Every structure is written in structure tokens, then in C-alpha cells.
């Protein structure tokens, strides 16, 4: 029986284990999918060998930090600089770990699924692995992206700069940080919600809870709001396509 899983820390917020196991059962596929809370990404090879994994998903905070411990990256993961899915091939202690990124596919597909046009200008809050994938998808769609960081570099903005920035000039604002995620649902971003305008789209990659304070404040300002559940499901479908393709070879 093939084994897959989710690697990250913590994992109390994640729906992936339930989603994948339900999908396997409904498809008549004998596969086990488990959560593997892992503090140190350097332990990922030991985990893959010890659990006899055929692949695994990667979530925060390891989407970038896991890369040095993989053997290969596909072209998109290399361009993005972040990984959310790994295939394990070979056997025993002689395995090959290859990283992919399906987050950007899930994000772009979620816009189409919800009837949201690709924005002309977007503000991305955060610069981690998820933010990299979102910005990759937006730029591929012809969107100009402005990133916001706690430690800005290059043309990135610092959070303190937003108070006087033209927030209304962006069609979309995407929260790519974990702020507000279960169980810290009362946590709130230092974002100037009063500078939003009616009709903007606020997208939060968080899906647990379904409505974060970020989305609630946006709704109060007359914005269209989307959470990250559709992105999660669509990137998982894309990931399963990669795993299935390897299984059929």
C-alpha cells in the first residue's frame, strides 16, 4: 500500500489529511495519507525512508527551507523558489526526492473557478513560499505585483509604508501570511483597512477559519472576499495528477 503525507509544523490547521483520504476511498485507491509534523526539514529524507513514503506535500514553514534537502526540482519550483509537493522514487535507502510547486496552479485556477478576472495590479502581503507561488501566477497572467515584507529588500514595501500608500490603486490584495490562521484566529495584520475601496478583491490564502479578520474587514469595506480553500483543493488535484502519473509508469 502506497503512503503519502503532509510535512510541516504545526499541522493542526490543515484539511489535507482528510481530503486526500476521502479522495482515495471514493476512488477505490488503497493509499494511506498522514500528517507528519516536522520541525526540522533536514529530517525529511529520514522520514521518507522510515515511513516508506511515495510522496508528500509541504506546508509552512518548510516550503523554502526544504529545498536544500531535495535531490531535484522541476522547472516551475526552481523558478518560484518554493516547493509544496515532493515525489519519492527508488527504494530502501536509495531514494530520489524531487520537488514541485502546484500552489501557483491552484491559485490561478481558483480565480477562474470563482469568476475573478486576473488583476492588473495586485498587492501581495508576505514574501514566503506561498507568496512566491502567488506572485508567479499573477505575473504569468500579466499582473503587476507589489510585495510587502517585514524585512523589505529591492522594490518591496515595509508594512509601515502601507499607511500612506495608494492601497485603492490595486485590484486585488492577497494575504500570503499565516496571520489569523487557526488556532490564532484573533491575530490581525497591521493593514490600513480604511484605505480600501469598494469593489476590490481581498484574497486570503488561509482557509481555516473560513473567514479571517482580514476578510471580515475587507467585507465591511465593500470588497469581494475569497479564502484559500479552493486554492488548496485545486493544488491538491494538480499534485495528485503528478503522483498518479508516476504511479502509472
Protein backbone atom coordinates (compact mmCIF):
# COMPACT_ATOMS: atom_id res chain seq x y z
CA UNK A 1 0.00 0.00 0.00
CA UNK A 2 1.38 3.39 -1.02
CA UNK A 3 1.91 6.02 1.66
CA UNK A 4 1.74 9.78 1.26
CA UNK A 5 1.59 12.62 3.74
CA UNK A 6 1.92 16.26 4.70
CA UNK A 7 5.11 17.72 6.14
CA UNK A 8 5.17 20.99 8.08
CA UNK A 9 4.81 22.42 11.57
CA UNK A 10 2.33 22.84 13.11
CA UNK A 11 -0.38 20.93 11.22
CA UNK A 12 -3.45 21.45 13.41
CA UNK A 13 -4.90 23.85 10.81
CA UNK A 14 -4.66 21.51 7.83
CA UNK A 15 -7.51 19.78 5.99
CA UNK A 16 -5.15 17.85 3.68
CA UNK A 17 -5.16 14.54 5.57
CA UNK A 18 -8.94 14.28 5.50
CA UNK A 19 -9.23 15.49 1.89
CA UNK A 20 -6.72 13.04 0.48
CA UNK A 21 -8.02 10.05 2.44
CA UNK A 22 -11.59 10.83 1.35
CA UNK A 23 -10.41 11.12 -2.27
CA UNK A 24 -8.58 7.83 -2.12
CA UNK A 25 -11.56 6.00 -0.61
CA UNK A 26 -14.01 7.45 -3.12
CA UNK A 27 -11.68 6.43 -5.98
CA UNK A 28 -11.20 2.91 -4.65
CA UNK A 29 -7.46 3.52 -4.27
CA UNK A 30 -5.65 1.76 -1.44
CA UNK A 31 -3.43 4.56 -0.15
CA UNK A 32 -2.66 5.96 3.29
CA UNK A 33 -2.19 9.72 3.77
CA UNK A 34 -0.97 11.04 7.13
CA UNK A 35 0.18 14.27 8.74
CA UNK A 36 3.85 14.35 9.71
CA UNK A 37 4.60 17.33 11.99
CA UNK A 38 8.27 18.01 11.30
CA UNK A 39 10.18 20.83 12.95
CA UNK A 40 13.45 20.33 11.06
CA UNK A 41 13.35 19.96 7.25
CA UNK A 42 16.76 18.28 7.39
CA UNK A 43 14.93 15.21 8.71
CA UNK A 44 12.79 14.80 5.61
CA UNK A 45 14.91 12.08 3.96
CA UNK A 46 14.95 10.04 7.15
CA UNK A 47 11.17 10.44 7.38
CA UNK A 48 10.59 9.41 3.75
CA UNK A 49 12.72 6.29 4.19
CA UNK A 50 11.36 5.36 7.61
CA UNK A 51 7.71 5.74 6.58
CA UNK A 52 8.28 4.27 3.09
CA UNK A 53 6.62 7.33 1.51
CA UNK A 54 5.83 7.58 -2.20
CA UNK A 55 5.40 11.35 -1.93
CA UNK A 56 4.40 14.15 0.38
CA UNK A 57 3.05 17.67 0.44
CA UNK A 58 4.96 20.50 2.09
CA UNK A 59 3.38 23.34 4.03
CA UNK A 60 4.56 26.18 6.28
CA UNK A 61 7.22 26.83 7.37
CA UNK A 62 9.20 24.46 5.10
CA UNK A 63 8.24 25.42 1.53
CA UNK A 64 11.56 27.18 1.01
CA UNK A 65 13.77 25.66 3.71
CA UNK A 66 13.22 22.10 2.45
CA UNK A 67 14.85 22.77 -0.94
CA UNK A 68 18.48 22.10 0.11
CA UNK A 69 17.43 18.63 1.28
CA UNK A 70 15.90 17.59 -2.06
CA UNK A 71 17.72 16.00 -4.97
CA UNK A 72 15.91 17.72 -7.83
CA UNK A 73 13.42 20.50 -8.60
CA UNK A 74 11.13 20.77 -11.57
CA UNK A 75 11.44 23.96 -13.63
CA UNK A 76 8.50 25.76 -12.03
CA UNK A 77 9.56 25.01 -8.47
CA UNK A 78 13.04 26.25 -9.30
CA UNK A 79 11.69 29.46 -10.83
CA UNK A 80 9.40 30.10 -7.87
CA UNK A 81 11.95 29.12 -5.22
CA UNK A 82 9.41 27.15 -3.19
CA UNK A 83 8.09 23.59 -3.06
CA UNK A 84 4.74 22.26 -1.90
CA UNK A 85 4.90 18.71 -3.30
CA UNK A 86 7.63 16.08 -3.40
CA UNK A 87 7.81 12.76 -5.21
CA UNK A 88 9.83 9.89 -3.79
CA UNK A 89 11.23 7.38 -6.27
CA UNK A 90 13.62 4.49 -5.82
CA UNK A 91 13.51 2.25 -2.78
CA UNK A 92 15.07 1.46 0.55
CA UNK A 93 17.75 3.97 1.43
CA UNK A 94 18.41 4.74 -2.25
CA UNK A 95 15.67 7.26 -2.90
CA UNK A 96 15.36 10.41 -5.00
CA UNK A 97 13.35 13.39 -3.73
CA UNK A 98 12.04 15.74 -6.42
CA UNK A 99 10.22 18.97 -5.58
CA UNK A 100 7.32 20.55 -7.45
CA UNK A 101 5.09 23.58 -6.96
CA UNK A 102 1.36 23.25 -7.60
CA UNK A 103 0.37 26.24 -5.45
CA UNK A 104 0.62 28.62 -8.40
CA UNK A 105 -1.68 26.37 -10.45
CA UNK A 106 -4.18 26.17 -7.61
CA UNK A 107 -4.22 29.94 -7.14
CA UNK A 108 -4.69 30.73 -10.84
CA UNK A 109 -7.37 28.05 -11.23
CA UNK A 110 -9.24 29.34 -8.16
CA UNK A 111 -9.60 32.77 -9.79
CA UNK A 112 -11.13 31.17 -12.87
CA UNK A 113 -13.39 28.93 -10.78
CA UNK A 114 -14.74 31.92 -8.84
CA UNK A 115 -15.16 34.16 -11.88
CA UNK A 116 -12.44 36.58 -10.81
CA UNK A 117 -10.55 38.28 -13.62
CA UNK A 118 -6.77 38.31 -13.47
CA UNK A 119 -5.99 41.67 -11.84
CA UNK A 120 -3.91 44.36 -13.49
CA UNK A 121 -2.26 45.31 -10.21
CA UNK A 122 -2.05 43.24 -7.02
CA UNK A 123 -0.60 43.73 -3.56
CA UNK A 124 0.90 40.58 -2.06
CA UNK A 125 1.26 40.58 1.73
CA UNK A 126 4.23 38.42 2.65
CA UNK A 127 7.28 37.08 0.85
CA UNK A 128 7.40 33.41 1.90
CA UNK A 129 6.93 30.29 -0.19
CA UNK A 130 3.19 30.77 -0.71
CA UNK A 131 3.70 34.40 -1.68
CA UNK A 132 6.32 33.38 -4.24
CA UNK A 133 3.88 30.97 -5.88
CA UNK A 134 1.04 33.51 -5.92
CA UNK A 135 3.27 36.20 -7.41
CA UNK A 136 4.49 33.74 -10.05
CA UNK A 137 0.89 33.01 -11.08
CA UNK A 138 -0.07 36.69 -11.11
CA UNK A 139 2.94 37.76 -13.16
CA UNK A 140 2.37 34.95 -15.65
CA UNK A 141 -1.10 36.41 -16.08
CA UNK A 142 0.30 39.84 -16.91
CA UNK A 143 -0.33 41.38 -13.47
CA UNK A 144 1.99 43.92 -11.85
CA UNK A 145 2.69 42.73 -8.31
CA UNK A 146 3.87 44.75 -5.33
CA UNK A 147 5.14 42.66 -2.41
CA UNK A 148 5.09 43.65 1.26
CA UNK A 149 7.65 42.30 3.72
CA UNK A 150 8.68 42.60 7.35
CA UNK A 151 12.24 42.92 6.05
CA UNK A 152 11.86 44.60 2.66
CA UNK A 153 14.54 44.42 0.01
CA UNK A 154 14.70 45.78 -3.52
CA UNK A 155 11.35 47.24 -4.53
CA UNK A 156 9.40 45.55 -1.72
CA UNK A 157 7.41 47.65 0.73
CA UNK A 158 7.69 47.52 4.51
CA UNK A 159 4.47 47.17 6.48
CA UNK A 160 4.90 50.65 7.98
CA UNK A 161 4.82 52.15 4.48
CA UNK A 162 1.26 50.99 3.82
CA UNK A 163 -0.31 53.69 6.00
CA UNK A 164 0.42 56.30 3.30
CA UNK A 165 0.36 54.06 0.25
CA UNK A 166 -2.24 54.02 -2.53
CA UNK A 167 -3.93 50.77 -1.47
CA UNK A 168 -7.01 51.71 -3.54
CA UNK A 169 -4.91 51.54 -6.69
CA UNK A 170 -4.71 47.73 -6.53
CA UNK A 171 -7.42 45.48 -7.96
CA UNK A 172 -6.52 42.69 -5.55
CA UNK A 173 -4.85 42.31 -2.16
CA UNK A 174 -3.64 38.81 -1.27
CA UNK A 175 -2.71 37.77 2.26
CA UNK A 176 0.07 35.22 1.87
CA UNK A 177 1.00 35.19 5.57
CA UNK A 178 -0.29 32.76 8.24
CA UNK A 179 -1.57 35.63 10.41
CA UNK A 180 -5.12 34.82 11.51
CA UNK A 181 -4.85 31.08 10.90
CA UNK A 182 -6.36 28.61 13.38
CA UNK A 183 -5.81 28.48 16.30
CA UNK A 184 -4.63 32.14 16.42
CA UNK A 185 -7.80 33.45 14.83
CA UNK A 186 -7.71 36.75 16.75
CA UNK A 187 -4.35 37.71 15.25
CA UNK A 188 -4.61 40.61 12.82
CA UNK A 189 -2.34 42.10 10.20
CA UNK A 190 -1.10 45.71 10.57
CA UNK A 191 -3.01 46.65 7.43
CA UNK A 192 -4.72 50.05 6.78
CA UNK A 193 -8.21 48.74 6.00
CA UNK A 194 -9.55 52.30 5.89
CA UNK A 195 -7.64 52.79 2.63
CA UNK A 196 -9.50 50.01 0.82
CA UNK A 197 -12.13 50.89 -1.76
CA UNK A 198 -15.41 49.28 -2.66
CA UNK A 199 -15.10 46.57 -5.31
CA UNK A 200 -11.53 45.47 -4.64
CA UNK A 201 -10.87 41.75 -4.19
CA UNK A 202 -9.31 40.54 -0.95
CA UNK A 203 -7.94 37.00 -1.13
CA UNK A 204 -6.68 35.21 1.98
CA UNK A 205 -4.71 32.02 1.40
CA UNK A 206 -5.87 30.87 4.85
CA UNK A 207 -8.87 28.52 4.77
CA UNK A 208 -9.19 27.71 8.46
CA UNK A 209 -11.11 29.70 9.63
CA UNK A 210 -13.23 30.27 6.54
CA UNK A 211 -13.42 33.99 7.30
CA UNK A 212 -10.34 35.56 8.86
CA UNK A 213 -10.32 39.03 10.36
CA UNK A 214 -8.58 40.14 7.16
CA UNK A 215 -11.56 39.02 5.08
CA UNK A 216 -14.09 40.33 7.58
CA UNK A 217 -12.55 43.80 7.49
CA UNK A 218 -12.49 43.65 3.71
CA UNK A 219 -16.14 42.70 3.51
CA UNK A 220 -17.01 45.63 5.80
CA UNK A 221 -15.19 47.90 3.33
CA UNK A 222 -17.27 46.60 0.41
CA UNK A 223 -14.62 44.29 -1.03
CA UNK A 224 -15.17 40.91 -2.64
CA UNK A 225 -13.55 38.27 -0.45
CA UNK A 226 -12.14 34.80 -1.12
CA UNK A 227 -10.45 32.35 1.22
CA UNK A 228 -7.85 29.75 0.31
CA UNK A 229 -9.98 26.59 0.33
CA UNK A 230 -10.46 26.42 -3.44
CA UNK A 231 -6.74 27.00 -3.95
CA UNK A 232 -6.00 24.17 -1.51
CA UNK A 233 -8.28 21.73 -3.31
CA UNK A 234 -7.13 22.71 -6.79
CA UNK A 235 -3.43 22.49 -5.96
CA UNK A 236 -4.12 19.11 -4.34
CA UNK A 237 -5.79 17.91 -7.55
CA UNK A 238 -2.76 19.07 -9.52
CA UNK A 239 -0.47 17.31 -7.06
CA UNK A 240 -2.44 14.08 -7.27
CA UNK A 241 -2.06 14.26 -11.04
CA UNK A 242 1.73 14.28 -10.62
CA UNK A 243 1.70 11.39 -8.14
CA UNK A 244 -0.73 9.38 -10.28
CA UNK A 245 1.39 9.85 -13.37
CA UNK A 246 4.39 8.40 -11.57
CA UNK A 247 2.32 5.52 -10.22
CA UNK A 248 1.22 4.58 -13.74
CA UNK A 249 4.76 4.46 -15.11
